[in-house]
N, C-alpha and C. Protein backbone atom coordinates (compact mmCIF):
# COMPACT_ATOMS: atom_id res chain seq x y z
N MET A 1 -16.65 -34.34 -9.79
CA MET A 1 -18.04 -33.99 -10.25
C MET A 1 -17.95 -33.06 -11.53
N GLU A 2 -18.90 -33.45 -12.35
CA GLU A 2 -18.99 -32.58 -13.54
C GLU A 2 -19.84 -31.26 -13.23
N ALA A 3 -19.46 -30.19 -13.93
CA ALA A 3 -20.11 -29.06 -13.72
C ALA A 3 -21.44 -29.00 -14.28
N GLN A 4 -22.52 -28.33 -13.44
CA GLN A 4 -23.92 -28.23 -14.07
C GLN A 4 -23.99 -26.93 -14.60
N HIS A 5 -24.70 -26.65 -15.75
CA HIS A 5 -24.62 -25.57 -16.61
C HIS A 5 -26.17 -25.28 -16.83
N ARG A 6 -26.54 -23.87 -16.85
CA ARG A 6 -27.96 -23.52 -17.00
C ARG A 6 -27.82 -22.11 -17.48
N THR A 7 -28.66 -21.88 -18.45
CA THR A 7 -28.75 -20.34 -19.00
C THR A 7 -29.80 -19.66 -17.90
N VAL A 8 -29.28 -18.46 -17.51
CA VAL A 8 -30.15 -17.84 -16.61
C VAL A 8 -30.52 -16.36 -17.15
N SER A 9 -31.46 -15.71 -16.54
CA SER A 9 -31.54 -14.40 -16.75
C SER A 9 -31.63 -13.71 -15.36
N GLY A 10 -31.24 -12.38 -15.31
CA GLY A 10 -31.08 -11.81 -14.02
C GLY A 10 -31.16 -10.17 -13.90
N THR A 11 -30.98 -9.81 -12.76
CA THR A 11 -31.10 -8.55 -12.54
C THR A 11 -30.10 -8.06 -11.44
N LEU A 12 -29.19 -7.16 -11.74
CA LEU A 12 -28.27 -6.66 -10.74
C LEU A 12 -28.58 -5.16 -10.36
N HIS A 13 -29.02 -5.03 -9.04
CA HIS A 13 -29.28 -3.84 -8.48
C HIS A 13 -28.09 -3.37 -7.61
N MET A 14 -27.72 -1.99 -7.76
CA MET A 14 -26.52 -1.51 -6.98
C MET A 14 -27.01 -0.15 -6.44
N GLU A 15 -26.96 0.09 -5.13
CA GLU A 15 -27.31 1.09 -4.39
C GLU A 15 -25.96 1.64 -3.79
N ILE A 16 -25.63 3.01 -3.97
CA ILE A 16 -24.48 3.49 -3.39
C ILE A 16 -25.04 4.90 -2.73
N SER A 17 -24.65 4.85 -1.37
CA SER A 17 -25.11 5.97 -0.70
C SER A 17 -23.93 6.69 0.12
N ASP A 18 -23.90 8.05 0.27
CA ASP A 18 -23.06 8.49 1.32
C ASP A 18 -24.00 9.65 2.10
N LYS A 19 -23.38 10.42 3.00
CA LYS A 19 -24.24 11.35 3.63
C LYS A 19 -25.15 12.18 3.07
N ALA A 20 -24.86 12.50 1.83
CA ALA A 20 -25.60 13.66 0.91
C ALA A 20 -26.65 12.82 0.10
N GLU A 21 -26.33 11.78 -0.55
CA GLU A 21 -27.24 11.32 -1.82
C GLU A 21 -26.88 9.91 -1.87
N THR A 22 -28.02 9.29 -2.72
CA THR A 22 -27.96 7.90 -3.11
C THR A 22 -28.05 7.77 -4.47
N GLU A 23 -27.35 6.98 -5.07
CA GLU A 23 -27.55 6.46 -6.59
C GLU A 23 -27.81 5.19 -6.73
N LYS A 24 -28.69 4.92 -7.54
CA LYS A 24 -29.14 3.45 -7.94
C LYS A 24 -29.08 3.14 -9.32
N THR A 25 -28.45 1.97 -9.59
CA THR A 25 -28.34 1.40 -11.02
C THR A 25 -28.86 -0.07 -11.05
N THR A 26 -29.37 -0.36 -12.13
CA THR A 26 -30.13 -1.61 -12.40
C THR A 26 -29.43 -2.07 -13.77
N THR A 27 -28.99 -3.28 -13.74
CA THR A 27 -28.67 -4.05 -15.08
C THR A 27 -29.23 -5.36 -15.23
N HIS A 28 -29.97 -5.51 -16.27
CA HIS A 28 -30.64 -6.69 -16.73
C HIS A 28 -29.81 -7.56 -17.58
N PHE A 29 -29.63 -8.99 -17.48
CA PHE A 29 -28.79 -9.66 -18.29
C PHE A 29 -29.37 -10.97 -18.44
N THR A 30 -28.88 -11.61 -19.57
CA THR A 30 -29.02 -12.96 -19.76
C THR A 30 -27.47 -13.71 -19.79
N GLY A 31 -27.24 -14.71 -18.98
CA GLY A 31 -26.02 -15.22 -18.83
C GLY A 31 -26.00 -16.73 -18.61
N ASP A 32 -24.75 -17.13 -18.02
CA ASP A 32 -24.76 -18.53 -17.71
C ASP A 32 -24.43 -18.78 -16.32
N PHE A 33 -25.11 -19.84 -15.75
CA PHE A 33 -24.93 -20.29 -14.34
C PHE A 33 -24.21 -21.69 -14.34
N PHE A 34 -23.13 -21.86 -13.56
CA PHE A 34 -22.59 -23.08 -13.40
C PHE A 34 -22.28 -23.50 -11.97
N ARG A 35 -22.60 -24.66 -11.69
CA ARG A 35 -22.13 -25.18 -10.38
C ARG A 35 -21.32 -26.25 -10.43
N ARG A 36 -20.33 -26.19 -9.46
CA ARG A 36 -19.28 -27.31 -9.52
C ARG A 36 -18.86 -27.43 -8.02
N ASN A 37 -19.12 -28.62 -7.46
CA ASN A 37 -18.81 -28.96 -6.14
C ASN A 37 -19.56 -27.83 -5.22
N ASN A 38 -18.60 -27.11 -4.46
CA ASN A 38 -19.34 -26.05 -3.51
C ASN A 38 -19.14 -24.62 -4.05
N MET A 39 -19.21 -24.52 -5.26
CA MET A 39 -18.92 -23.24 -5.81
C MET A 39 -20.06 -22.95 -6.90
N ASP A 40 -20.75 -21.76 -7.05
CA ASP A 40 -21.49 -21.22 -8.13
C ASP A 40 -20.81 -20.21 -8.92
N VAL A 41 -20.86 -20.00 -10.32
CA VAL A 41 -20.24 -19.21 -11.06
C VAL A 41 -21.39 -18.55 -12.01
N ILE A 42 -21.48 -17.25 -12.27
CA ILE A 42 -22.40 -16.60 -13.06
C ILE A 42 -21.51 -15.80 -13.95
N THR A 43 -21.84 -15.78 -15.18
CA THR A 43 -21.10 -15.01 -16.17
C THR A 43 -22.21 -14.40 -17.10
N PHE A 44 -21.89 -13.10 -17.54
CA PHE A 44 -22.73 -12.29 -18.37
C PHE A 44 -22.06 -11.17 -18.94
N LYS A 45 -22.59 -10.65 -20.06
CA LYS A 45 -21.93 -9.57 -20.70
C LYS A 45 -22.80 -8.32 -20.64
N GLU A 46 -22.21 -7.01 -20.36
CA GLU A 46 -22.97 -5.89 -20.39
C GLU A 46 -22.34 -4.71 -21.24
N LYS A 47 -23.22 -4.02 -21.85
CA LYS A 47 -22.80 -2.87 -22.70
C LYS A 47 -23.15 -1.59 -21.98
N ASN A 48 -22.24 -0.79 -21.54
CA ASN A 48 -22.46 0.40 -20.81
C ASN A 48 -21.79 1.67 -21.27
N ASP A 49 -22.49 2.59 -21.84
CA ASP A 49 -21.79 3.78 -22.40
C ASP A 49 -20.81 3.32 -23.39
N ASP A 50 -21.24 2.48 -24.34
CA ASP A 50 -20.36 2.16 -25.47
C ASP A 50 -19.23 1.23 -25.00
N LEU A 51 -19.15 0.79 -23.73
CA LEU A 51 -18.15 -0.06 -23.27
C LEU A 51 -18.70 -1.59 -23.15
N LEU A 52 -17.86 -2.54 -23.59
CA LEU A 52 -18.36 -3.94 -23.38
C LEU A 52 -17.48 -4.53 -22.11
N ILE A 53 -18.40 -5.01 -21.44
CA ILE A 53 -17.82 -5.43 -20.01
C ILE A 53 -18.29 -6.93 -19.88
N LYS A 54 -17.34 -7.93 -19.55
CA LYS A 54 -17.53 -9.14 -19.29
C LYS A 54 -17.57 -9.31 -17.70
N ASN A 55 -18.61 -9.96 -17.15
CA ASN A 55 -18.68 -10.35 -15.70
C ASN A 55 -18.64 -11.62 -15.29
N LEU A 56 -17.76 -11.93 -14.30
CA LEU A 56 -17.70 -13.37 -13.86
C LEU A 56 -17.77 -13.35 -12.40
N ILE A 57 -18.84 -13.85 -11.82
CA ILE A 57 -19.11 -13.83 -10.36
C ILE A 57 -19.10 -15.13 -9.94
N THR A 58 -18.16 -15.31 -8.90
CA THR A 58 -17.71 -16.58 -8.21
C THR A 58 -18.24 -16.64 -6.92
N ILE A 59 -19.13 -17.59 -6.41
CA ILE A 59 -19.76 -17.47 -5.04
C ILE A 59 -19.34 -18.76 -4.44
N HIS A 60 -18.75 -18.61 -3.24
CA HIS A 60 -18.51 -19.66 -2.35
C HIS A 60 -19.20 -19.45 -1.06
N GLU A 61 -19.27 -20.44 -0.04
CA GLU A 61 -20.18 -20.25 1.09
C GLU A 61 -19.75 -18.96 1.90
N ASP A 62 -18.54 -18.64 1.89
CA ASP A 62 -18.13 -17.48 2.82
C ASP A 62 -17.46 -16.57 2.05
N LYS A 63 -17.42 -16.41 0.71
CA LYS A 63 -16.85 -15.47 -0.01
C LYS A 63 -17.26 -15.36 -1.51
N VAL A 64 -17.07 -14.16 -1.98
CA VAL A 64 -17.51 -13.85 -3.35
C VAL A 64 -16.52 -13.06 -4.10
N SER A 65 -16.49 -13.33 -5.34
CA SER A 65 -15.46 -12.63 -6.28
C SER A 65 -16.25 -12.16 -7.49
N ILE A 66 -16.04 -10.86 -7.73
CA ILE A 66 -16.64 -10.28 -9.09
C ILE A 66 -15.40 -9.67 -9.72
N LYS A 67 -15.29 -10.46 -10.91
CA LYS A 67 -14.17 -10.00 -11.93
C LYS A 67 -14.88 -9.43 -13.16
N ARG A 68 -14.47 -8.29 -13.56
CA ARG A 68 -14.86 -7.66 -14.76
C ARG A 68 -13.71 -7.56 -15.72
N SER A 69 -13.94 -7.68 -16.97
CA SER A 69 -12.80 -7.54 -17.97
C SER A 69 -13.46 -7.10 -19.25
N GLY A 70 -12.66 -6.61 -20.14
CA GLY A 70 -12.98 -5.92 -21.48
C GLY A 70 -12.57 -4.50 -21.27
N ASP A 71 -13.45 -3.48 -21.61
CA ASP A 71 -13.18 -2.16 -21.64
C ASP A 71 -12.90 -1.57 -20.23
N ILE A 72 -13.51 -2.27 -19.24
CA ILE A 72 -13.18 -1.81 -17.86
C ILE A 72 -12.79 -3.25 -17.16
N THR A 73 -11.70 -3.11 -16.31
CA THR A 73 -11.19 -4.38 -15.54
C THR A 73 -11.28 -4.07 -14.03
N MET A 74 -11.52 -5.05 -13.37
CA MET A 74 -11.57 -4.98 -11.83
C MET A 74 -11.68 -6.36 -11.25
N HIS A 75 -11.10 -6.66 -10.15
CA HIS A 75 -11.30 -7.93 -9.43
C HIS A 75 -11.66 -7.60 -8.11
N GLN A 76 -12.84 -7.52 -7.64
CA GLN A 76 -13.24 -7.26 -6.41
C GLN A 76 -13.50 -8.47 -5.55
N LYS A 77 -13.21 -8.52 -4.31
CA LYS A 77 -13.41 -9.62 -3.52
C LYS A 77 -13.96 -9.33 -2.31
N PHE A 78 -15.02 -10.12 -1.73
CA PHE A 78 -15.81 -9.80 -0.71
C PHE A 78 -15.71 -10.94 0.29
N HIS A 79 -15.09 -10.70 1.57
CA HIS A 79 -15.08 -11.72 2.71
C HIS A 79 -15.61 -10.88 3.87
N VAL A 80 -16.65 -11.58 4.51
CA VAL A 80 -17.33 -10.86 5.71
C VAL A 80 -16.22 -10.37 6.72
N ASN A 81 -16.47 -9.11 7.18
CA ASN A 81 -15.55 -8.60 8.21
C ASN A 81 -14.01 -8.53 7.81
N GLN A 82 -13.73 -8.41 6.48
CA GLN A 82 -12.47 -8.16 6.01
C GLN A 82 -12.27 -7.15 4.97
N LYS A 83 -11.11 -6.46 5.04
CA LYS A 83 -10.93 -5.47 3.89
C LYS A 83 -10.02 -6.08 2.94
N THR A 84 -10.40 -5.76 1.51
CA THR A 84 -9.79 -6.14 0.41
C THR A 84 -9.58 -4.87 -0.41
N GLU A 85 -8.38 -5.02 -1.29
CA GLU A 85 -8.15 -4.09 -2.35
C GLU A 85 -7.85 -4.51 -3.60
N ASN A 86 -8.35 -3.58 -4.66
CA ASN A 86 -8.05 -3.82 -5.93
C ASN A 86 -7.94 -2.60 -6.83
N VAL A 87 -7.74 -2.71 -8.00
CA VAL A 87 -7.74 -1.42 -8.88
C VAL A 87 -8.81 -1.55 -9.97
N PHE A 88 -9.50 -0.42 -10.00
CA PHE A 88 -10.59 -0.45 -11.02
C PHE A 88 -10.01 0.26 -12.24
N LYS A 89 -9.96 -0.40 -13.32
CA LYS A 89 -9.41 0.20 -14.46
C LYS A 89 -10.28 0.57 -15.70
N HIS A 90 -10.32 1.93 -15.92
CA HIS A 90 -11.31 2.36 -16.86
C HIS A 90 -10.42 2.97 -18.12
N PRO A 91 -10.82 3.02 -19.36
CA PRO A 91 -9.84 3.46 -20.46
C PRO A 91 -9.29 4.98 -20.09
N HIS A 92 -10.04 5.64 -19.23
CA HIS A 92 -9.29 6.93 -18.99
C HIS A 92 -8.77 7.22 -17.50
N VAL A 93 -9.01 6.13 -16.71
CA VAL A 93 -8.41 6.48 -15.37
C VAL A 93 -8.30 5.10 -14.44
N ASN A 94 -7.31 5.05 -13.62
CA ASN A 94 -7.21 3.82 -12.65
C ASN A 94 -7.60 4.48 -11.29
N ILE A 95 -8.49 3.54 -10.63
CA ILE A 95 -8.78 3.97 -9.36
C ILE A 95 -8.48 2.80 -8.25
N GLN A 96 -7.87 3.21 -7.24
CA GLN A 96 -7.56 2.22 -6.05
C GLN A 96 -8.83 2.15 -5.28
N MET A 97 -9.28 0.79 -5.15
CA MET A 97 -10.54 0.50 -4.47
C MET A 97 -10.15 -0.18 -3.02
N GLU A 98 -10.83 0.13 -1.94
CA GLU A 98 -10.59 -0.48 -0.75
C GLU A 98 -11.88 -0.97 -0.36
N THR A 99 -12.38 -2.15 -0.19
CA THR A 99 -13.61 -2.64 0.13
C THR A 99 -13.81 -3.41 1.36
N TYR A 100 -14.70 -3.04 2.16
CA TYR A 100 -14.98 -3.73 3.53
C TYR A 100 -16.37 -4.40 3.51
N THR A 101 -16.43 -5.68 3.48
CA THR A 101 -17.71 -6.35 3.44
C THR A 101 -18.34 -6.50 4.89
N GLN A 102 -19.48 -5.99 4.95
CA GLN A 102 -20.28 -6.25 6.12
C GLN A 102 -21.14 -7.39 6.28
N LYS A 103 -21.90 -7.72 5.28
CA LYS A 103 -22.84 -8.72 5.29
C LYS A 103 -22.81 -9.44 3.78
N LEU A 104 -23.07 -10.80 3.80
CA LEU A 104 -23.11 -11.51 2.68
C LEU A 104 -24.12 -12.73 2.79
N GLY A 105 -25.05 -12.70 1.75
CA GLY A 105 -26.14 -13.73 1.71
C GLY A 105 -26.28 -14.20 0.47
N TYR A 106 -26.53 -15.59 0.44
CA TYR A 106 -26.73 -16.16 -1.00
C TYR A 106 -27.57 -17.35 -0.88
N GLN A 107 -28.68 -17.46 -1.84
CA GLN A 107 -29.50 -18.58 -1.89
C GLN A 107 -29.49 -18.84 -3.52
N ALA A 108 -29.09 -20.04 -3.70
CA ALA A 108 -28.80 -20.52 -4.99
C ALA A 108 -30.14 -20.62 -5.78
N PRO A 109 -30.27 -20.50 -7.30
CA PRO A 109 -31.48 -20.60 -7.85
C PRO A 109 -31.64 -22.24 -8.01
N THR A 110 -32.99 -22.59 -7.72
CA THR A 110 -33.35 -24.16 -7.74
C THR A 110 -34.54 -24.27 -8.59
N GLY A 111 -34.64 -25.02 -9.62
CA GLY A 111 -35.88 -25.13 -10.42
C GLY A 111 -36.50 -23.76 -10.76
N ASN A 112 -37.74 -23.68 -10.35
CA ASN A 112 -38.57 -22.46 -10.54
C ASN A 112 -38.27 -21.42 -9.65
N ASP A 113 -37.46 -21.62 -8.67
CA ASP A 113 -37.25 -20.68 -7.39
C ASP A 113 -36.04 -19.73 -7.83
N GLN A 114 -36.14 -18.45 -7.80
CA GLN A 114 -34.96 -17.48 -8.16
C GLN A 114 -33.94 -17.46 -6.96
N GLY A 115 -32.79 -17.36 -7.57
CA GLY A 115 -31.68 -17.12 -6.72
C GLY A 115 -31.43 -15.59 -6.33
N LYS A 116 -30.74 -15.53 -5.19
CA LYS A 116 -30.48 -14.21 -4.74
C LYS A 116 -29.07 -13.97 -3.98
N LEU A 117 -28.25 -13.15 -4.41
CA LEU A 117 -27.10 -12.74 -3.77
C LEU A 117 -27.09 -11.39 -3.16
N THR A 118 -26.87 -11.20 -1.95
CA THR A 118 -26.88 -9.83 -1.38
C THR A 118 -25.51 -9.54 -0.77
N ILE A 119 -24.91 -8.46 -0.91
CA ILE A 119 -23.86 -7.98 -0.36
C ILE A 119 -23.85 -6.54 0.18
N ALA A 120 -23.58 -6.39 1.50
CA ALA A 120 -23.53 -4.88 1.82
C ALA A 120 -21.98 -4.64 2.35
N PHE A 121 -21.55 -3.64 1.78
CA PHE A 121 -20.19 -3.37 1.86
C PHE A 121 -19.87 -1.82 1.66
N THR A 122 -18.69 -1.36 2.28
CA THR A 122 -18.21 0.07 1.95
C THR A 122 -16.99 0.08 1.09
N VAL A 123 -17.03 1.12 0.37
CA VAL A 123 -15.84 1.26 -0.65
C VAL A 123 -15.24 2.77 -0.38
N LYS A 124 -13.76 2.62 -0.34
CA LYS A 124 -13.09 3.99 -0.50
C LYS A 124 -12.38 3.89 -1.74
N LEU A 125 -12.74 4.91 -2.48
CA LEU A 125 -11.87 5.28 -3.77
C LEU A 125 -10.82 6.22 -3.71
N ASN A 126 -9.62 5.66 -3.96
CA ASN A 126 -8.44 6.45 -3.93
C ASN A 126 -8.24 7.21 -2.53
N GLY A 127 -8.60 6.57 -1.47
CA GLY A 127 -8.38 6.98 -0.11
C GLY A 127 -9.51 7.99 0.19
N GLN A 128 -10.52 8.21 -0.43
CA GLN A 128 -11.54 9.38 -0.11
C GLN A 128 -12.52 8.51 0.87
N ASP A 129 -13.52 9.47 1.42
CA ASP A 129 -14.45 8.89 2.29
C ASP A 129 -15.13 7.79 1.87
N GLU A 130 -15.33 6.78 2.70
CA GLU A 130 -16.08 5.51 2.25
C GLU A 130 -17.62 5.87 1.93
N ARG A 131 -18.12 5.13 1.08
CA ARG A 131 -19.50 5.10 0.76
C ARG A 131 -19.92 3.66 0.84
N ASN A 132 -21.34 3.73 1.29
CA ASN A 132 -22.04 2.45 1.59
C ASN A 132 -22.67 1.66 0.32
N HIS A 133 -22.49 0.60 0.10
CA HIS A 133 -22.93 -0.10 -1.07
C HIS A 133 -23.85 -1.23 -0.81
N GLN A 134 -24.87 -1.49 -1.56
CA GLN A 134 -25.78 -2.57 -1.35
C GLN A 134 -26.04 -3.19 -2.60
N LEU A 135 -25.44 -4.44 -2.91
CA LEU A 135 -25.53 -5.23 -4.16
C LEU A 135 -26.52 -6.28 -4.02
N THR A 136 -27.47 -6.29 -4.89
CA THR A 136 -28.50 -7.27 -4.98
C THR A 136 -28.63 -7.96 -6.34
N LEU A 137 -28.23 -9.29 -6.42
CA LEU A 137 -28.21 -10.02 -7.78
C LEU A 137 -29.34 -10.87 -7.60
N LEU A 138 -30.44 -10.79 -8.47
CA LEU A 138 -31.40 -11.71 -8.64
C LEU A 138 -31.13 -12.68 -9.94
N ILE A 139 -31.27 -13.99 -9.92
CA ILE A 139 -31.11 -14.80 -11.04
C ILE A 139 -32.28 -15.86 -11.13
N LYS A 140 -32.61 -16.16 -12.24
CA LYS A 140 -33.69 -17.34 -12.49
C LYS A 140 -33.34 -18.08 -13.74
N GLU A 141 -33.49 -19.31 -13.61
CA GLU A 141 -33.22 -20.11 -14.91
C GLU A 141 -34.25 -19.85 -15.86
N ASP A 142 -33.73 -19.86 -17.07
CA ASP A 142 -34.47 -19.65 -18.34
C ASP A 142 -35.29 -20.88 -18.57
N PRO A 143 -36.67 -20.66 -18.85
CA PRO A 143 -37.35 -21.89 -19.39
C PRO A 143 -36.84 -22.45 -20.72
N LYS A 144 -36.78 -23.73 -20.79
CA LYS A 144 -36.20 -24.45 -22.00
C LYS A 144 -37.04 -24.26 -23.16
């Protein structure tokens, strides 16, 4: 089956909380959406503090992968009720990440209806106390 391609715009919301505080970030982007067989792929670039980062999000029915490359590299994998590990590489430091996925939800974008990916997970950085994360990705097909 040939891949379907569409240009999309989106918003990535990340909420990170521990016992004491909550930090929230929002990234707006324009990118590409591909569908092939039972897999959706979203790609976009972001510029953050003078760093250029390419994002590749691969969505399967039961798992999600977020791969970042460029000035920052990371390959974070999400499988419900499983722990995964990866290394977050920043120009000034490498950080060991341990991710445990609690919930995963996905609704693909269709026509005029926006798509939504939600992931609830915890992360331990370099063995420190875990923090709760809530990722929400909203995507909408750009009008032609």
